[in-house]
Protein backbone atom coordinates (compact mmCIF):
# COMPACT_ATOMS: atom_id res chain seq x y z
CA UNK A 1 107.08 8.09 21.03
CA UNK A 2 105.19 4.61 21.66
CA UNK A 3 104.04 2.68 18.85
CA UNK A 4 100.58 2.63 18.96
CA UNK A 5 100.41 -0.64 16.80
CA UNK A 6 100.69 -3.41 19.68
CA UNK A 7 99.99 -6.46 17.73
CA UNK A 8 98.92 -7.54 14.42
CA UNK A 9 95.80 -8.37 15.74
CA UNK A 10 95.11 -4.43 16.76
CA UNK A 11 96.37 -3.19 13.68
CA UNK A 12 94.03 -0.22 12.52
CA UNK A 13 94.69 1.70 9.18
CA UNK A 14 95.59 5.44 10.19
CA UNK A 15 92.90 6.27 7.11
CA UNK A 16 90.29 4.32 9.15
CA UNK A 17 90.74 5.32 12.79
CA UNK A 18 88.22 7.95 12.48
CA UNK A 19 85.46 5.67 11.32
CA UNK A 20 86.14 3.02 13.78
CA UNK A 21 86.44 5.49 16.72
CA UNK A 22 82.93 7.26 15.54
CA UNK A 23 81.31 3.69 14.96
CA UNK A 24 82.38 2.48 18.57
CA UNK A 25 81.16 5.98 20.07
CA UNK A 26 77.82 5.40 18.36
CA UNK A 27 77.40 1.79 19.99
CA UNK A 28 78.04 2.96 23.33
CA UNK A 29 75.76 5.85 22.67
CA UNK A 30 73.11 3.49 21.82
CA UNK A 31 73.84 1.22 24.75
CA UNK A 32 73.57 4.02 27.09
CA UNK A 33 70.23 5.21 25.46
CA UNK A 34 68.68 2.08 26.10
CA UNK A 35 69.49 2.25 29.86
CA UNK A 36 66.85 3.61 32.41
CA UNK A 37 67.97 7.00 34.11
CA UNK A 38 68.57 5.38 37.31
CA UNK A 39 71.22 3.13 35.98
CA UNK A 40 72.84 6.01 34.08
CA UNK A 41 73.05 7.78 37.26
CA UNK A 42 74.46 4.58 39.26
CA UNK A 43 77.08 4.15 36.83
CA UNK A 44 78.04 7.79 37.13
CA UNK A 45 78.37 7.55 40.63
CA UNK A 46 80.43 4.47 40.23
CA UNK A 47 82.74 6.01 37.83
CA UNK A 48 81.84 3.96 35.06
CA UNK A 49 81.29 6.53 32.34
CA UNK A 50 82.48 4.83 29.07
CA UNK A 51 84.96 5.73 26.86
CA UNK A 52 83.42 8.10 24.33
CA UNK A 53 81.56 10.50 26.71
CA UNK A 54 78.31 9.53 25.46
CA UNK A 55 76.85 8.80 28.82
CA UNK A 56 76.48 12.44 29.41
CA UNK A 57 74.15 13.16 26.30
CA UNK A 58 72.04 10.02 27.00
CA UNK A 59 71.46 11.33 30.68
CA UNK A 60 70.82 14.84 29.29
CA UNK A 61 68.06 13.76 26.88
CA UNK A 62 65.95 12.22 29.75
CA UNK A 63 66.96 13.10 33.14
CA UNK A 64 65.24 15.76 35.36
CA UNK A 65 67.15 18.45 37.70
CA UNK A 66 65.57 16.60 40.70
CA UNK A 67 66.97 13.23 39.91
CA UNK A 68 70.12 14.06 38.34
CA UNK A 69 71.42 17.52 39.65
CA UNK A 70 73.11 16.64 42.90
CA UNK A 71 74.92 13.57 41.40
CA UNK A 72 76.14 15.77 38.40
CA UNK A 73 77.15 18.29 40.88
CA UNK A 74 79.12 15.83 43.00
CA UNK A 75 80.79 14.54 39.89
CA UNK A 76 81.97 18.05 39.03
CA UNK A 77 83.64 18.57 42.40
CA UNK A 78 85.41 15.31 41.87
CA UNK A 79 89.06 14.75 41.00
CA UNK A 80 87.66 13.00 37.81
CA UNK A 81 89.85 14.22 34.56
CA UNK A 82 88.90 17.45 33.28
CA UNK A 83 87.50 16.59 29.77
CA UNK A 84 84.82 14.06 31.70
CA UNK A 85 84.12 17.03 34.06
CA UNK A 86 83.39 19.28 31.25
CA UNK A 87 80.99 17.00 29.58
CA UNK A 88 79.14 16.54 33.01
CA UNK A 89 78.87 20.27 33.28
CA UNK A 90 77.51 20.55 29.87
CA UNK A 91 74.84 17.84 30.66
CA UNK A 92 73.87 19.53 34.15
CA UNK A 93 73.46 22.91 31.80
CA UNK A 94 71.07 20.92 29.41
CA UNK A 95 69.20 19.37 32.44
CA UNK A 96 68.60 22.62 34.23
CA UNK A 97 67.66 24.24 30.86
CA UNK A 98 70.43 26.90 31.48
CA UNK A 99 72.44 26.27 28.30
CA UNK A 100 70.80 29.29 26.48
CA UNK A 101 71.68 31.56 29.30
CA UNK A 102 75.20 30.45 29.12
CA UNK A 103 75.11 30.83 25.14
CA UNK A 104 73.81 34.52 26.05
CA UNK A 105 76.12 35.40 28.29
CA UNK A 106 79.26 34.21 25.98
CA UNK A 107 77.90 36.01 22.85
CA UNK A 108 75.84 38.65 24.10
CA UNK A 109 72.98 37.67 22.02
CA UNK A 110 70.02 35.48 22.91
CA UNK A 111 69.84 32.45 20.81
CA UNK A 112 66.70 32.17 18.56
C-alpha cells in the first residue's frame, strides 16, 4: 500500500483529515457560488468541475432547465467517472424539479 504522506510539508495528521477536507470543500463551494451560471456551465463543458463535487450544488441552486439541461445531459452521457455523473444527475433532477418524483418512486410515499 502506498504511503499517503509524500513529504513532511504535506503531512496531515490522520485525526485532522476530515476537518481539512470539509474546509477545502467549503472553500470550493464558496468559490463556485460566486461564479455566474454561464461560467459554471462553461467549466462543466471543459470538464473543470473541481475536486469536491461542489460545482453541481452551486449550479442546481441557480440554473434553469433551459440554460443547463442539455449541458448536464451531455455530461451524463460522457465517459467521466461515475461519481461525477452521479452528482451531475442529482443536479439535473434538482434543476428540472423532478427530485420529489424520484423520491416518490423510490419510497412509494410522496414527500411532505
